[in-house]
Amino acid sequence: MRRPVLIAAALLLAPLAACSTVKEAVKGPDLAPVGYPAQLAPIQQQFVSAREPAPQPASANSLWRVGARAFFNDQRASRVGDILTVLIDIDDSANTKNQTASSRTSGTKAGVPHLLGLESSLGKILPGGFSAANALETNSTTNNAGAGSVQRSEKISLTIAAVVSSVLPNGNMVIQGTQEVRTNAEVRQLTVAGIVRPEDISSANTIKHTQIAEARISYGGRGDISRVQKTPAGQSLIEKFSPF
């Protein structure tokens, strides 16, 4: 009974896997979730209704109000809901070139001059010209050559504000930020997420993208221009599933 159940389960899950592949072919690849662990970077931002008591009027003979921000307090992000500025300055390039070559030659020769006195009888059964001393002989030659090269260059210089979505037990913070700019019928979207250490945040409440662990940075757009530049969905599906 287990085999029919397993087959039925596989048939039910196959459309889900196919839908995921079709979605990737049509919409493009998605970024992996932020780890450490991934559950600590929720899709929905957390909101804090009241982080601290509201400032109260100054009491008699006092210049300070209860709950007011102190002048010399550290203004860097440290709690859920705080805002942190991320400086993205990517200027990477890579040039890789590989060449491989291999060759192999092998040969095998075997004979049965004596086989319990049956070597003469085999000549009557097998086609003419049979020789027990040269019963088997093989030769093979294999050659393989390959070459490949990769040249990549990318440059992005942007600034985005991110929100602290959670604080890990060791004090590290998970941040997420999205920025959208619309010009006519085209929307440009910048998304950043990852994990930062409090000591890496500068006094100006900024951090570089190179100091973000599990960084997920996405810069793209949607609209008329992106739709024209994108490969048609039908062509993407054919290229995705074509075995040739």
Protein backbone atom coordinates (compact mmCIF):
# COMPACT_ATOMS: atom_id res chain seq x y z
CA MET A 1 0.00 0.00 0.00
CA ARG A 2 2.90 2.36 0.57
CA ARG A 3 3.98 2.43 -3.08
CA PRO A 4 0.62 3.73 -4.41
CA VAL A 5 0.60 6.37 -1.66
CA LEU A 6 4.12 7.53 -2.55
CA ILE A 7 3.25 7.65 -6.25
CA ALA A 8 0.10 9.67 -5.53
CA ALA A 9 2.08 12.10 -3.35
CA ALA A 10 4.70 12.54 -6.07
CA LEU A 11 1.98 13.26 -8.63
CA LEU A 12 0.44 15.86 -6.32
CA LEU A 13 3.76 17.58 -5.63
CA ALA A 14 4.93 17.56 -9.26
CA PRO A 15 2.61 20.43 -10.32
CA LEU A 16 3.88 22.54 -7.39
CA ALA A 17 7.50 22.05 -8.47
CA ALA A 18 6.57 22.77 -12.07
CA CYS A 19 4.73 25.94 -11.04
CA SER A 20 7.82 27.13 -9.16
CA THR A 21 10.00 26.50 -12.20
CA VAL A 22 7.51 28.21 -14.51
CA LYS A 23 7.33 31.19 -12.17
CA GLU A 24 11.12 31.47 -12.18
CA ALA A 25 11.22 31.29 -15.96
CA VAL A 26 8.56 33.99 -16.33
CA LYS A 27 9.40 36.37 -13.46
CA GLY A 28 13.10 35.67 -13.06
CA PRO A 29 15.05 34.32 -10.09
CA ASP A 30 14.21 35.35 -6.53
CA LEU A 31 16.71 36.22 -3.83
CA ALA A 32 17.33 33.63 -1.14
CA PRO A 33 15.92 34.43 2.32
CA VAL A 34 18.22 35.99 4.87
CA GLY A 35 19.78 33.34 7.08
CA TYR A 36 21.07 33.18 10.67
CA PRO A 37 18.39 31.83 10.78
CA ALA A 38 16.08 32.76 7.92
CA GLN A 39 13.04 32.98 10.20
CA LEU A 40 14.54 36.06 11.86
CA ALA A 41 13.98 38.11 8.69
CA PRO A 42 10.18 38.18 8.39
CA ILE A 43 8.50 39.40 5.25
CA GLN A 44 6.28 41.74 7.23
CA GLN A 45 8.04 44.45 9.19
CA GLN A 46 7.50 44.55 12.94
CA PHE A 47 5.89 47.65 14.37
CA VAL A 48 6.38 48.90 17.90
CA SER A 49 3.44 50.82 19.31
CA ALA A 50 5.32 52.43 22.19
CA ARG A 51 9.05 52.00 22.71
CA GLU A 52 9.38 54.46 25.57
CA PRO A 53 7.14 56.75 27.61
CA ALA A 54 6.04 59.93 25.91
CA PRO A 55 7.82 63.10 27.09
CA GLN A 56 6.12 64.76 30.02
CA PRO A 57 6.06 68.45 30.89
CA ALA A 58 8.99 69.60 32.95
CA SER A 59 8.41 69.50 36.67
CA ALA A 60 8.77 72.52 38.85
CA ASN A 61 12.31 73.92 39.13
CA SER A 62 13.58 71.53 36.41
CA LEU A 63 14.80 72.04 32.84
CA TRP A 64 14.33 68.38 31.84
CA ARG A 65 11.24 66.46 30.82
CA VAL A 66 10.71 62.82 31.70
CA GLY A 67 11.28 60.59 28.65
CA ALA A 68 12.97 63.28 26.56
CA ARG A 69 15.99 62.30 24.48
CA ALA A 70 19.24 63.18 26.18
CA PHE A 71 21.59 65.44 24.25
CA PHE A 72 24.55 63.07 24.55
CA ASN A 73 22.68 59.79 23.96
CA ASP A 74 23.88 57.42 21.25
CA GLN A 75 21.56 58.03 18.28
CA ARG A 76 22.69 54.97 16.33
CA ALA A 77 20.17 52.26 15.50
CA SER A 78 19.94 49.66 18.22
CA ARG A 79 16.31 48.58 18.64
CA VAL A 80 13.48 47.24 16.53
CA GLY A 81 12.01 50.03 14.43
CA ASP A 82 15.18 52.16 14.35
CA ILE A 83 16.34 53.43 10.96
CA LEU A 84 19.84 52.80 9.61
CA THR A 85 21.41 54.24 6.44
CA VAL A 86 23.11 51.69 4.18
CA LEU A 87 25.82 52.87 1.80
CA ILE A 88 25.99 50.62 -1.28
CA ASP A 89 29.10 51.06 -3.41
CA ILE A 90 29.71 47.97 -5.52
CA ASP A 91 32.52 48.07 -8.07
CA ASP A 92 33.40 44.47 -8.84
CA SER A 93 35.02 42.84 -11.82
CA ALA A 94 36.12 39.30 -12.56
CA ASN A 95 38.08 37.68 -15.35
CA THR A 96 38.37 33.92 -15.36
CA LYS A 97 39.79 31.70 -18.07
CA ASN A 98 40.06 27.92 -17.98
CA GLN A 99 41.39 25.37 -20.44
CA THR A 100 41.33 21.60 -20.06
CA ALA A 101 42.59 18.76 -22.22
CA SER A 102 42.68 15.03 -21.66
CA SER A 103 43.60 11.99 -23.75
CA ARG A 104 43.34 8.29 -23.12
CA THR A 105 44.26 5.23 -25.17
CA SER A 106 43.64 1.66 -24.08
CA GLY A 107 43.88 -1.78 -25.66
CA THR A 108 43.01 -5.31 -24.62
CA LYS A 109 44.00 -8.62 -26.21
CA ALA A 110 43.03 -12.06 -24.93
CA GLY A 111 43.31 -15.58 -26.24
CA VAL A 112 42.37 -19.12 -25.15
CA PRO A 113 44.96 -21.49 -26.66
CA HIS A 114 43.79 -24.30 -24.38
CA LEU A 115 40.32 -24.68 -22.91
CA LEU A 116 39.89 -28.22 -21.61
CA GLY A 117 40.48 -29.52 -25.11
CA LEU A 118 37.45 -27.67 -26.48
CA GLU A 119 39.40 -25.10 -28.53
CA SER A 120 39.21 -27.31 -31.60
CA SER A 121 35.46 -27.82 -31.16
CA LEU A 122 34.87 -24.06 -30.92
CA GLY A 123 36.28 -23.66 -34.44
CA LYS A 124 33.43 -25.81 -35.76
CA ILE A 125 30.76 -23.74 -34.03
CA LEU A 126 32.17 -20.24 -34.64
CA PRO A 127 32.62 -18.65 -38.08
CA GLY A 128 35.63 -19.57 -40.20
CA GLY A 129 38.97 -18.00 -39.43
CA PHE A 130 38.48 -18.41 -35.68
CA SER A 131 41.73 -18.66 -33.73
CA ALA A 132 41.67 -19.58 -30.07
CA ALA A 133 44.95 -17.73 -29.54
CA ASN A 134 43.30 -14.48 -30.70
CA ALA A 135 39.83 -14.85 -29.26
CA LEU A 136 39.37 -11.21 -28.12
CA GLU A 137 41.00 -7.89 -28.96
CA THR A 138 39.73 -4.36 -28.22
CA ASN A 139 41.12 -0.87 -28.79
CA SER A 140 39.75 2.46 -27.64
CA THR A 141 40.91 6.07 -27.88
CA THR A 142 39.32 9.02 -26.06
CA ASN A 143 40.14 12.71 -26.45
CA ASN A 144 38.56 15.63 -24.63
CA ALA A 145 39.30 19.35 -24.91
CA GLY A 146 37.44 22.26 -23.32
CA ALA A 147 37.88 26.00 -22.92
CA GLY A 148 35.84 28.63 -21.10
CA SER A 149 36.13 32.21 -20.01
CA VAL A 150 34.10 34.60 -17.84
CA GLN A 151 34.32 38.38 -17.91
CA ARG A 152 32.09 40.31 -15.52
CA SER A 153 31.95 43.93 -14.46
CA GLU A 154 29.32 45.66 -12.35
CA LYS A 155 29.12 49.01 -10.59
CA ILE A 156 26.36 50.25 -8.28
CA SER A 157 26.50 53.33 -6.05
CA LEU A 158 23.35 53.92 -4.00
CA THR A 159 22.14 54.93 -0.56
CA ILE A 160 19.08 53.47 1.15
CA ALA A 161 17.51 53.67 4.59
CA ALA A 162 16.72 50.35 6.26
CA VAL A 163 14.66 49.48 9.32
CA VAL A 164 15.77 47.18 12.12
CA SER A 165 13.27 44.31 12.00
CA SER A 166 14.65 42.22 14.85
CA VAL A 167 17.53 41.97 17.31
CA LEU A 168 19.36 38.66 17.74
CA PRO A 169 20.30 37.29 21.16
CA ASN A 170 23.96 38.31 20.69
CA GLY A 171 23.01 41.90 19.85
CA ASN A 172 23.33 41.71 16.07
CA MET A 173 20.44 43.30 14.17
CA VAL A 174 18.47 42.13 11.17
CA ILE A 175 17.70 45.02 8.82
CA GLN A 176 15.40 45.37 5.82
CA GLY A 177 14.84 48.29 3.51
CA THR A 178 13.05 48.99 0.23
CA GLN A 179 13.12 52.08 -1.93
CA GLU A 180 10.95 52.70 -4.98
CA VAL A 181 11.18 55.58 -7.45
CA ARG A 182 8.62 56.03 -10.20
CA THR A 183 9.32 57.98 -13.36
CA ASN A 184 6.41 58.09 -15.79
CA ALA A 185 5.44 54.41 -16.25
CA GLU A 186 8.68 52.89 -14.92
CA VAL A 187 9.37 51.96 -11.28
CA ARG A 188 12.91 51.40 -10.08
CA GLN A 189 13.14 49.32 -6.91
CA LEU A 190 16.08 48.88 -4.55
CA THR A 191 15.92 46.29 -1.76
CA VAL A 192 18.50 45.49 0.91
CA ALA A 193 18.42 43.02 3.80
CA GLY A 194 20.97 41.38 6.06
CA ILE A 195 22.54 41.25 9.50
CA VAL A 196 24.73 43.99 10.99
CA ARG A 197 26.82 44.36 14.12
CA PRO A 198 26.22 47.41 16.34
CA GLU A 199 29.96 48.15 16.47
CA ASP A 200 30.11 48.43 12.67
CA ILE A 201 27.62 51.31 12.62
CA SER A 202 29.37 54.67 12.29
CA SER A 203 28.67 57.70 14.44
CA ALA A 204 26.56 59.08 11.56
CA ASN A 205 24.29 56.00 11.81
CA THR A 206 25.54 54.58 8.49
CA ILE A 207 27.01 51.24 7.49
CA LYS A 208 28.70 49.97 4.33
CA HIS A 209 27.24 47.09 2.36
CA THR A 210 30.50 45.16 2.84
CA GLN A 211 29.81 45.06 6.59
CA ILE A 212 26.42 43.37 6.19
CA ALA A 213 26.34 39.62 6.76
CA GLU A 214 23.92 37.50 4.70
CA ALA A 215 23.46 40.57 2.51
CA ARG A 216 20.65 40.48 -0.04
CA ILE A 217 20.78 43.44 -2.41
CA SER A 218 18.41 43.76 -5.34
CA TYR A 219 18.23 46.58 -7.86
CA GLY A 220 15.73 46.33 -10.66
CA GLY A 221 12.53 47.74 -11.99
CA ARG A 222 9.18 47.10 -13.54
CA GLY A 223 7.15 48.96 -16.09
CA ASP A 224 7.08 49.67 -19.82
CA ILE A 225 10.85 49.77 -20.34
CA SER A 226 11.54 46.63 -18.29
CA ARG A 227 8.73 44.78 -20.05
CA VAL A 228 10.17 45.56 -23.49
CA GLN A 229 13.69 44.54 -22.45
CA LYS A 230 12.56 41.29 -20.83
CA THR A 231 12.57 38.02 -22.76
CA PRO A 232 9.00 36.97 -23.66
CA ALA A 233 7.48 34.41 -21.32
CA GLY A 234 6.92 31.84 -24.08
CA GLN A 235 10.53 32.04 -25.21
CA SER A 236 11.72 31.76 -21.60
CA LEU A 237 9.67 28.60 -21.08
CA ILE A 238 10.99 27.04 -24.29
CA GLU A 239 14.60 27.82 -23.35
CA LYS A 240 14.01 26.54 -19.82
CA PHE A 241 12.54 23.17 -20.73
CA SER A 242 14.02 22.49 -24.16
CA PRO A 243 16.42 19.50 -24.06
CA PHE A 244 18.34 20.75 -27.11
